[in-house]
C-alpha atoms as a PDB file:
ATOM      1  CA  MET A   1       0.000   0.000   0.000  1.00  0.00           C
ATOM      2  CA  LYS A   2       1.544   3.275  -1.078  1.00  0.00           C
ATOM      3  CA  ARG A   3       1.024   6.242   1.188  1.00  0.00           C
ATOM      4  CA  PHE A   4      -0.388   9.558  -0.006  1.00  0.00           C
ATOM      5  CA  ILE A   5       2.987  11.255   0.546  1.00  0.00           C
ATOM      6  CA  TYR A   6       4.796   8.735  -1.683  1.00  0.00           C
ATOM      7  CA  SER A   7       4.419  10.756  -4.881  1.00  0.00           C
ATOM      8  CA  ASP A   8       5.279  14.014  -3.088  1.00  0.00           C
ATOM      9  CA  ILE A   9       8.551  12.572  -1.841  1.00  0.00           C
ATOM     10  CA  LYS A  10       9.457  11.125  -5.252  1.00  0.00           C
ATOM     11  CA  GLU A  11       8.772  14.505  -6.865  1.00  0.00           C
ATOM     12  CA  HIS A  12      10.880  16.300  -4.243  1.00  0.00           C
ATOM     13  CA  LEU A  13      13.805  13.924  -4.847  1.00  0.00           C
ATOM     14  CA  LYS A  14      14.043  15.203  -8.433  1.00  0.00           C
ATOM     15  CA  HIS A  15      15.265  18.543  -7.071  1.00  0.00           C
ATOM     16  CA  LYS A  16      18.364  16.884  -5.544  1.00  0.00           C
ATOM     17  CA  GLN A  17      17.888  18.521  -2.181  1.00  0.00           C
ATOM     18  CA  ILE A  18      18.059  16.958   1.241  1.00  0.00           C
ATOM     19  CA  THR A  19      14.776  15.379   2.231  1.00  0.00           C
ATOM     20  CA  LEU A  20      13.950  14.595   5.841  1.00  0.00           C
ATOM     21  CA  LEU A  21      11.347  12.033   6.736  1.00  0.00           C
ATOM     22  CA  LEU A  22      10.244  12.600  10.300  1.00  0.00           C
ATOM     23  CA  GLY A  23       7.522  10.933  12.294  1.00  0.00           C
ATOM     24  CA  ALA A  24       6.591   8.924  15.319  1.00  0.00           C
ATOM     25  CA  ARG A  25       7.929   5.437  15.881  1.00  0.00           C
ATOM     26  CA  GLN A  26       6.470   2.590  13.841  1.00  0.00           C
ATOM     27  CA  THR A  27       4.543   4.751  11.387  1.00  0.00           C
ATOM     28  CA  GLY A  28       6.092   3.269   8.229  1.00  0.00           C
ATOM     29  CA  LYS A  29       8.994   5.639   7.528  1.00  0.00           C
ATOM     30  CA  THR A  30      11.426   2.838   6.730  1.00  0.00           C
ATOM     31  CA  THR A  31       8.829   0.963   4.689  1.00  0.00           C
ATOM     32  CA  LEU A  32       8.170   4.111   2.663  1.00  0.00           C
ATOM     33  CA  ILE A  33      11.886   4.576   1.974  1.00  0.00           C
ATOM     34  CA  HIS A  34      12.190   0.928   0.918  1.00  0.00           C
ATOM     35  CA  GLN A  35       9.257   1.346  -1.484  1.00  0.00           C
ATOM     36  CA  ILE A  36      10.801   4.459  -3.024  1.00  0.00           C
ATOM     37  CA  LEU A  37      14.233   2.823  -3.339  1.00  0.00           C
ATOM     38  CA  ASP A  38      12.710  -0.290  -4.935  1.00  0.00           C
ATOM     39  CA  ASP A  39      10.803   1.878  -7.410  1.00  0.00           C
ATOM     40  CA  LEU A  40      13.894   3.929  -8.277  1.00  0.00           C
ATOM     41  CA  TYR A  41      15.968   0.770  -8.673  1.00  0.00           C
ATOM     42  CA  GLN A  42      13.412  -0.840 -10.993  1.00  0.00           C
ATOM     43  CA  ASN A  43      13.104   2.295 -13.126  1.00  0.00           C
ATOM     44  CA  THR A  44      16.869   2.822 -13.322  1.00  0.00           C
ATOM     45  CA  PHE A  45      18.037  -0.699 -14.125  1.00  0.00           C
ATOM     46  CA  LYS A  46      15.348  -1.950 -16.513  1.00  0.00           C
END
């Protein structure tokens, strides 16, 4: 399940600026990063 902020973060990463992902414990921050990295990896190395 992709979160609503997923596309916002991917768009922000295009600007090559530092992006902080802050939030409470166990809210899916690491899962979100893994999803974004998997997506970037698949789109880069196809």
